[in-house]
Amino acid sequence: MQIPFLNLKSTNQIYEAQITEEISKAVCSGWYILGERLKQFETSFANYCGVKYCIGVANGLDALTIMLKASEFPKDSEVIVPANSYIATILAVSNANLVPVPVEPILDDYLINPHAIEQAITAKTKAILVTHLYGRCCKMDEINAIATKYGLKVFEDAAQAHGAIYNNKKAGNLSDGAGFSFYPSKNLGAMGDAGAITTNDDAFAERIFALRNYGSSQKYIFDYQGYNSRLSEIQAAILNIKLPYLDTENNYRKKIANRYLTEINNPKITLPIADSINNDAWHLFVIRVENRDSFRQLLSENGIGTDVHYPLAPHQQLAYKSWNHLTLPITEKIHQQVVSLPLNTSLTDEEISYIIHYINTY
């Protein structure tokens, strides 16, 4: 049996006819940027997240960068970020001419540690940017309380958390603003790069709408030094098709996650905590194993694809060589041990059983 880690052709196959039809309509419309399909998606996704505004942008990194630029913090202000995250979270801070300050996670859930956040706050700190990693929301009540105490803004990197829930509110509606990616592998995936920002703040949204379009509030009038970052009509058309099925697909992911959690029985494997299975979006199912290479080799020899999210921590990357001297032991342990198992809507019960069988033989 051959089970790839992810086969996007298979996961998108059920939408193929609809997508082909809608793309054809978009092409024939003659309107490709900032049109009705984008407006429809922005309205629908805002309603889905329970927020007032959704602003479509070109990709997830732009979403985070523009959100931070719209905050109008002084240059070189500090933004607290998770040390354990995809590097885009940190790049966005740097791209906005701000200073990222990495904070260690909690080992059990891989998410930024609220207590460590408070210890990292200085007079230069202006915001906290959290990542809802793997589809699980951070401890937002604690984080928002810290932000209120110190007068800070809170932002979400919700790129992996489409539909995730925290205290009966969806990711994207848990802070001052949130950035989403609709990269093809996400729970709500486009067929190319795409992103969005959500917020409930009227003035903040107005700045973001302008910044994504060169800083323009009206044609040829520029209030800001902005970006060319617009979610295209074709990608919006694809997202409009797939959004109504997001909860159904997330429920299937939860079903797979529940099988992994209950049927994997191997003392060498550390499973993710399961105290919020119905609220997590389960973008990824990430385990820890000490001898990662040998574990992955066993699965590969039996046709099972895996991935590593992520093999090298941001503070160890050449892009942040000024951080290379840092010692962040929890983050480093996570990056040395994590393995992502197949988790997508094209998996069959038989394939899931096959994966579990070989994990239990390790």
Foldseek 3Di string as FASTA:
>chain_A
DAAALDDLCLQCVVCVVVLVVLLVVQVVVPAKFPDDLQVVLFVVLCVQQVADTKAKWQAQLVQLLLLVLLVVAPAQQEEEEALQDPCSNVVSCVSNNYHYDYAYPDLQARWGDLVRVLVPDDPRHAEYETECPQQHDDPLVSNVVSCVVVVHFYEYACQQHVQFDDPRGGPQERTQKYKYWQDSLHLQHFPHTMIMMGHRDPSSVQQSNLQCCCQDSDPPHHPDRHHVIGGISSRSSSSVSCVVCSVVFLVQLLVLLVCLVVLQDAPQKAFHDCPRSVRGSNSWGKIFGQPVVVLQVLCVVVNFHKAASAQDGPLCDPVNVVSNVDDRPSSNRNNNTMMTGRGGDSDDPVNSVVVSVSSNVD
